[in-house]
C-alpha atoms as a PDB file:
ATOM      1  CA  UNK A   1       7.695   6.712   6.623  1.00  0.00           C
ATOM      2  CA  UNK A   2       4.522   7.111   8.699  1.00  0.00           C
ATOM      3  CA  UNK A   3       3.075   9.410   6.032  1.00  0.00           C
ATOM      4  CA  UNK A   4       3.388   6.663   3.424  1.00  0.00           C
ATOM      5  CA  UNK A   5       1.670   4.274   5.820  1.00  0.00           C
ATOM      6  CA  UNK A   6      -1.139   6.758   6.417  1.00  0.00           C
ATOM      7  CA  UNK A   7      -1.515   7.240   2.657  1.00  0.00           C
ATOM      8  CA  UNK A   8      -1.596   3.481   2.113  1.00  0.00           C
ATOM      9  CA  UNK A   9      -4.184   3.112   4.903  1.00  0.00           C
ATOM     10  CA  UNK A  10      -6.314   5.833   3.295  1.00  0.00           C
ATOM     11  CA  UNK A  11      -6.172   4.184  -0.131  1.00  0.00           C
ATOM     12  CA  UNK A  12      -6.937   0.720   1.242  1.00  0.00           C
ATOM     13  CA  UNK A  13      -9.893   1.848   3.354  1.00  0.00           C
ATOM     14  CA  UNK A  14     -11.508   4.461   1.101  1.00  0.00           C
ATOM     15  CA  UNK A  15     -14.081   1.984  -0.272  1.00  0.00           C
ATOM     16  CA  UNK A  16     -15.302   1.241   3.281  1.00  0.00           C
ATOM     17  CA  UNK A  17     -16.272   4.853   3.845  1.00  0.00           C
ATOM     18  CA  UNK A  18     -19.446   6.230   2.248  1.00  0.00           C
ATOM     19  CA  UNK A  19     -19.321   8.304  -0.911  1.00  0.00           C
ATOM     20  CA  UNK A  20     -19.460  12.087  -0.536  1.00  0.00           C
ATOM     21  CA  UNK A  21     -21.666  14.395  -2.561  1.00  0.00           C
ATOM     22  CA  UNK A  22     -19.969  17.757  -2.944  1.00  0.00           C
ATOM     23  CA  UNK A  23     -20.151  20.462  -2.024  1.00  0.00           C
ATOM     24  CA  UNK A  24     -22.001  20.074   1.274  1.00  0.00           C
ATOM     25  CA  UNK A  25     -20.796  16.809   2.788  1.00  0.00           C
ATOM     26  CA  UNK A  26     -17.835  16.489   5.145  1.00  0.00           C
ATOM     27  CA  UNK A  27     -14.907  14.064   5.012  1.00  0.00           C
ATOM     28  CA  UNK A  28     -13.997  12.764   8.471  1.00  0.00           C
ATOM     29  CA  UNK A  29     -10.743  10.893   9.046  1.00  0.00           C
ATOM     30  CA  UNK A  30      -9.482   9.559  12.378  1.00  0.00           C
ATOM     31  CA  UNK A  31      -5.823   9.578  13.377  1.00  0.00           C
ATOM     32  CA  UNK A  32      -3.513   9.169  16.340  1.00  0.00           C
ATOM     33  CA  UNK A  33      -0.392  11.222  17.139  1.00  0.00           C
ATOM     34  CA  UNK A  34       2.623   8.923  16.830  1.00  0.00           C
ATOM     35  CA  UNK A  35       6.135   9.609  18.209  1.00  0.00           C
ATOM     36  CA  UNK A  36       7.487  10.515  14.747  1.00  0.00           C
ATOM     37  CA  UNK A  37       4.809  13.260  14.506  1.00  0.00           C
ATOM     38  CA  UNK A  38       6.340  15.108  17.464  1.00  0.00           C
ATOM     39  CA  UNK A  39       8.612  18.113  17.647  1.00  0.00           C
ATOM     40  CA  UNK A  40      11.050  18.886  20.515  1.00  0.00           C
ATOM     41  CA  UNK A  41       8.128  20.257  22.589  1.00  0.00           C
ATOM     42  CA  UNK A  42       6.573  16.762  22.530  1.00  0.00           C
ATOM     43  CA  UNK A  43       3.460  17.759  20.653  1.00  0.00           C
ATOM     44  CA  UNK A  44       2.539  17.334  16.992  1.00  0.00           C
ATOM     45  CA  UNK A  45       4.857  19.304  14.740  1.00  0.00           C
ATOM     46  CA  UNK A  46       3.146  22.224  12.982  1.00  0.00           C
ATOM     47  CA  UNK A  47       4.282  20.985   9.563  1.00  0.00           C
ATOM     48  CA  UNK A  48       2.658  17.610  10.221  1.00  0.00           C
ATOM     49  CA  UNK A  49      -0.763  19.288  10.424  1.00  0.00           C
ATOM     50  CA  UNK A  50      -0.352  20.546   6.856  1.00  0.00           C
ATOM     51  CA  UNK A  51       0.747  17.130   5.626  1.00  0.00           C
ATOM     52  CA  UNK A  52      -2.189  15.367   7.274  1.00  0.00           C
ATOM     53  CA  UNK A  53      -4.480  17.977   5.702  1.00  0.00           C
ATOM     54  CA  UNK A  54      -3.298  16.663   2.300  1.00  0.00           C
ATOM     55  CA  UNK A  55      -4.838  13.307   3.254  1.00  0.00           C
ATOM     56  CA  UNK A  56      -8.157  14.976   4.092  1.00  0.00           C
ATOM     57  CA  UNK A  57      -8.303  16.663   0.698  1.00  0.00           C
ATOM     58  CA  UNK A  58      -7.310  13.423  -1.041  1.00  0.00           C
ATOM     59  CA  UNK A  59     -10.070  11.561   0.812  1.00  0.00           C
ATOM     60  CA  UNK A  60     -12.563  14.198  -0.358  1.00  0.00           C
ATOM     61  CA  UNK A  61     -11.451  13.843  -3.991  1.00  0.00           C
ATOM     62  CA  UNK A  62     -11.567  10.040  -3.846  1.00  0.00           C
ATOM     63  CA  UNK A  63     -14.904   9.666  -2.055  1.00  0.00           C
ATOM     64  CA  UNK A  64     -16.639  12.319  -4.148  1.00  0.00           C
ATOM     65  CA  UNK A  65     -15.612  10.542  -7.356  1.00  0.00           C
ATOM     66  CA  UNK A  66     -13.738  13.625  -8.509  1.00  0.00           C
ATOM     67  CA  UNK A  67     -10.654  11.476  -9.048  1.00  0.00           C
ATOM     68  CA  UNK A  68     -12.227   9.988 -12.191  1.00  0.00           C
ATOM     69  CA  UNK A  69     -12.334  13.185 -14.324  1.00  0.00           C
ATOM     70  CA  UNK A  70      -9.100  14.405 -12.733  1.00  0.00           C
ATOM     71  CA  UNK A  71      -7.327  11.233 -13.823  1.00  0.00           C
ATOM     72  CA  UNK A  72      -9.053  11.054 -17.223  1.00  0.00           C
ATOM     73  CA  UNK A  73      -8.055  14.610 -18.154  1.00  0.00           C
ATOM     74  CA  UNK A  74      -4.670  14.681 -16.408  1.00  0.00           C
ATOM     75  CA  UNK A  75      -5.635  17.630 -14.216  1.00  0.00           C
ATOM     76  CA  UNK A  76      -3.226  18.463 -11.416  1.00  0.00           C
ATOM     77  CA  UNK A  77      -4.464  19.500  -7.969  1.00  0.00           C
ATOM     78  CA  UNK A  78      -2.824  22.785  -6.951  1.00  0.00           C
ATOM     79  CA  UNK A  79      -2.840  24.350  -3.510  1.00  0.00           C
ATOM     80  CA  UNK A  80      -2.753  28.134  -3.842  1.00  0.00           C
ATOM     81  CA  UNK A  81      -2.633  29.171  -0.209  1.00  0.00           C
ATOM     82  CA  UNK A  82      -3.284  28.071   3.345  1.00  0.00           C
ATOM     83  CA  UNK A  83      -3.738  29.604   6.750  1.00  0.00           C
ATOM     84  CA  UNK A  84      -3.949  27.646   9.980  1.00  0.00           C
ATOM     85  CA  UNK A  85      -4.769  28.635  13.560  1.00  0.00           C
ATOM     86  CA  UNK A  86      -3.480  26.362  16.328  1.00  0.00           C
ATOM     87  CA  UNK A  87      -5.661  26.336  19.445  1.00  0.00           C
ATOM     88  CA  UNK A  88      -4.790  23.209  21.450  1.00  0.00           C
ATOM     89  CA  UNK A  89      -1.746  20.989  21.242  1.00  0.00           C
ATOM     90  CA  UNK A  90      -1.980  17.394  20.113  1.00  0.00           C
ATOM     91  CA  UNK A  91       0.050  15.331  22.576  1.00  0.00           C
ATOM     92  CA  UNK A  92       1.677  11.916  21.998  1.00  0.00           C
ATOM     93  CA  UNK A  93      -0.807   9.108  21.241  1.00  0.00           C
ATOM     94  CA  UNK A  94      -3.781  11.482  21.290  1.00  0.00           C
ATOM     95  CA  UNK A  95      -6.629  10.480  18.996  1.00  0.00           C
ATOM     96  CA  UNK A  96      -7.993  13.203  16.766  1.00  0.00           C
ATOM     97  CA  UNK A  97     -10.309  13.656  13.809  1.00  0.00           C
ATOM     98  CA  UNK A  98      -9.753  15.731  10.684  1.00  0.00           C
ATOM     99  CA  UNK A  99     -12.908  17.228   9.155  1.00  0.00           C
ATOM    100  CA  UNK A 100     -12.614  18.537   5.581  1.00  0.00           C
ATOM    101  CA  UNK A 101     -15.366  20.473   3.844  1.00  0.00           C
ATOM    102  CA  UNK A 102     -15.805  22.888   0.959  1.00  0.00           C
ATOM    103  CA  UNK A 103     -16.940  26.319   2.170  1.00  0.00           C
ATOM    104  CA  UNK A 104     -16.839  28.579  -0.916  1.00  0.00           C
ATOM    105  CA  UNK A 105     -15.658  28.742  -4.522  1.00  0.00           C
ATOM    106  CA  UNK A 106     -15.200  31.062  -7.463  1.00  0.00           C
ATOM    107  CA  UNK A 107     -15.118  30.265 -11.158  1.00  0.00           C
ATOM    108  CA  UNK A 108     -11.995  28.111 -10.830  1.00  0.00           C
ATOM    109  CA  UNK A 109     -10.835  28.000  -7.201  1.00  0.00           C
ATOM    110  CA  UNK A 110     -12.351  26.349  -4.130  1.00  0.00           C
ATOM    111  CA  UNK A 111     -11.827  27.115  -0.451  1.00  0.00           C
ATOM    112  CA  UNK A 112     -11.851  24.230   1.997  1.00  0.00           C
ATOM    113  CA  UNK A 113     -12.013  24.329   5.772  1.00  0.00           C
ATOM    114  CA  UNK A 114     -10.039  21.656   7.594  1.00  0.00           C
ATOM    115  CA  UNK A 115     -10.542  21.226  11.322  1.00  0.00           C
ATOM    116  CA  UNK A 116      -8.587  19.066  13.785  1.00  0.00           C
ATOM    117  CA  UNK A 117     -10.929  17.892  16.539  1.00  0.00           C
ATOM    118  CA  UNK A 118     -10.109  16.032  19.746  1.00  0.00           C
ATOM    119  CA  UNK A 119     -12.109  14.863  22.748  1.00  0.00           C
ATOM    120  CA  UNK A 120     -11.657  16.716  26.040  1.00  0.00           C
ATOM    121  CA  UNK A 121     -11.343  14.782  29.290  1.00  0.00           C
ATOM    122  CA  UNK A 122     -15.030  15.687  29.862  1.00  0.00           C
ATOM    123  CA  UNK A 123     -15.903  13.990  26.549  1.00  0.00           C
ATOM    124  CA  UNK A 124     -16.791  17.083  24.561  1.00  0.00           C
ATOM    125  CA  UNK A 125     -15.261  17.948  21.177  1.00  0.00           C
ATOM    126  CA  UNK A 126     -12.533  20.580  21.188  1.00  0.00           C
ATOM    127  CA  UNK A 127     -10.984  22.237  18.139  1.00  0.00           C
ATOM    128  CA  UNK A 128      -7.216  21.754  18.178  1.00  0.00           C
ATOM    129  CA  UNK A 129      -6.581  23.598  14.909  1.00  0.00           C
ATOM    130  CA  UNK A 130      -8.572  25.076  12.059  1.00  0.00           C
ATOM    131  CA  UNK A 131      -7.297  25.838   8.581  1.00  0.00           C
ATOM    132  CA  UNK A 132      -8.537  27.354   5.343  1.00  0.00           C
ATOM    133  CA  UNK A 133      -6.971  26.320   2.043  1.00  0.00           C
ATOM    134  CA  UNK A 134      -7.426  27.700  -1.467  1.00  0.00           C
ATOM    135  CA  UNK A 135      -7.037  25.145  -4.243  1.00  0.00           C
ATOM    136  CA  UNK A 136      -8.022  24.185  -7.754  1.00  0.00           C
ATOM    137  CA  UNK A 137      -7.284  21.736 -10.540  1.00  0.00           C
ATOM    138  CA  UNK A 138      -4.832  22.862 -13.202  1.00  0.00           C
ATOM    139  CA  UNK A 139      -5.232  21.713 -16.795  1.00  0.00           C
ATOM    140  CA  UNK A 140      -1.722  21.634 -18.249  1.00  0.00           C
ATOM    141  CA  UNK A 141      -3.049  21.330 -21.816  1.00  0.00           C
ATOM    142  CA  UNK A 142      -5.019  24.579 -21.674  1.00  0.00           C
ATOM    143  CA  UNK A 143      -2.636  26.160 -19.132  1.00  0.00           C
ATOM    144  CA  UNK A 144      -5.541  27.246 -16.995  1.00  0.00           C
ATOM    145  CA  UNK A 145      -7.510  26.197 -13.954  1.00  0.00           C
ATOM    146  CA  UNK A 146     -10.485  23.929 -14.578  1.00  0.00           C
ATOM    147  CA  UNK A 147     -13.799  25.798 -14.188  1.00  0.00           C
ATOM    148  CA  UNK A 148     -15.812  24.699 -11.140  1.00  0.00           C
ATOM    149  CA  UNK A 149     -18.865  24.289 -13.406  1.00  0.00           C
ATOM    150  CA  UNK A 150     -16.952  21.681 -15.393  1.00  0.00           C
ATOM    151  CA  UNK A 151     -16.040  19.825 -12.192  1.00  0.00           C
ATOM    152  CA  UNK A 152     -19.677  19.886 -11.051  1.00  0.00           C
ATOM    153  CA  UNK A 153     -20.860  18.567 -14.430  1.00  0.00           C
ATOM    154  CA  UNK A 154     -18.237  15.795 -14.360  1.00  0.00           C
ATOM    155  CA  UNK A 155     -19.571  14.685 -10.976  1.00  0.00           C
ATOM    156  CA  UNK A 156     -23.187  14.683 -12.123  1.00  0.00           C
ATOM    157  CA  UNK A 157     -24.164  17.107  -9.370  1.00  0.00           C
ATOM    158  CA  UNK A 158     -27.189  19.339 -10.123  1.00  0.00           C
ATOM    159  CA  UNK A 159     -26.192  22.659 -11.783  1.00  0.00           C
ATOM    160  CA  UNK A 160     -27.610  24.701  -8.886  1.00  0.00           C
ATOM    161  CA  UNK A 161     -24.778  23.237  -6.777  1.00  0.00           C
ATOM    162  CA  UNK A 162     -22.368  25.371  -8.814  1.00  0.00           C
ATOM    163  CA  UNK A 163     -23.561  28.474  -6.940  1.00  0.00           C
ATOM    164  CA  UNK A 164     -21.188  29.137  -4.053  1.00  0.00           C
ATOM    165  CA  UNK A 165     -22.461  30.079  -0.625  1.00  0.00           C
ATOM    166  CA  UNK A 166     -21.514  33.600   0.383  1.00  0.00           C
ATOM    167  CA  UNK A 167     -17.990  33.482   1.839  1.00  0.00           C
ATOM    168  CA  UNK A 168     -17.875  33.919   5.614  1.00  0.00           C
ATOM    169  CA  UNK A 169     -15.907  36.890   7.020  1.00  0.00           C
ATOM    170  CA  UNK A 170     -13.044  34.478   7.832  1.00  0.00           C
ATOM    171  CA  UNK A 171     -12.923  33.233   4.232  1.00  0.00           C
ATOM    172  CA  UNK A 172     -13.048  36.789   2.871  1.00  0.00           C
ATOM    173  CA  UNK A 173     -10.198  37.821   5.211  1.00  0.00           C
ATOM    174  CA  UNK A 174      -8.160  34.769   4.140  1.00  0.00           C
ATOM    175  CA  UNK A 175      -8.655  35.562   0.442  1.00  0.00           C
ATOM    176  CA  UNK A 176      -7.809  39.237   1.004  1.00  0.00           C
ATOM    177  CA  UNK A 177      -4.601  38.265   2.817  1.00  0.00           C
ATOM    178  CA  UNK A 178      -3.796  35.814   0.020  1.00  0.00           C
ATOM    179  CA  UNK A 179      -4.239  38.556  -2.602  1.00  0.00           C
ATOM    180  CA  UNK A 180      -2.036  40.943  -0.618  1.00  0.00           C
ATOM    181  CA  UNK A 181       0.850  38.473  -0.701  1.00  0.00           C
ATOM    182  CA  UNK A 182       0.995  38.482  -4.516  1.00  0.00           C
ATOM    183  CA  UNK A 183       4.007  40.361  -5.854  1.00  0.00           C
ATOM    184  CA  UNK A 184       3.091  43.793  -7.185  1.00  0.00           C
ATOM    185  CA  UNK A 185       2.414  43.867 -10.911  1.00  0.00           C
ATOM    186  CA  UNK A 186       2.019  40.113 -11.254  1.00  0.00           C
ATOM    187  CA  UNK A 187      -1.370  38.513 -11.824  1.00  0.00           C
ATOM    188  CA  UNK A 188      -0.518  34.944 -12.660  1.00  0.00           C
ATOM    189  CA  UNK A 189      -2.935  33.133 -10.417  1.00  0.00           C
ATOM    190  CA  UNK A 190      -6.674  33.028 -10.235  1.00  0.00           C
ATOM    191  CA  UNK A 191      -8.413  34.392  -7.175  1.00  0.00           C
ATOM    192  CA  UNK A 192     -11.948  34.640  -5.900  1.00  0.00           C
END
């Protein structure tokens, strides 16, 4: 139930947060670890991280205005892969922030970095977990992923923004691992 409440909170408060201009701005959402987020070890369940990451990506789509063409054309957001590295546990009632940003893209697929940040007892920011996700928007009518150039045009972002930064070594390793998990002899999905 808490996930529905978090989703409702996100939808009700999205207009109070400033608009984002992709691809270089960062979505920042603040949360607290509630008892129903916990696993038997009394820290946030690893699956809960992935679910909260959905909210970060949704916030990015809403605040960037991308939801308008997505809704108008009936495009479906599709997550193609994810990798997460846990560094520090999130204990009961801990406050944390989720940062979501776009780090690289190909013709049809984007890679986002999502970072869970908490404050140490000394007041400095500490990374609790960091994830990379590969995603795109699927057009069911054409049975293909929507080209990034089309997304950029729909947002009214200058065309030079359609040029991806060079993927970092971490992003390249993530994409290589993602490709290696594909069954042999099957293309099927689009990769960078």
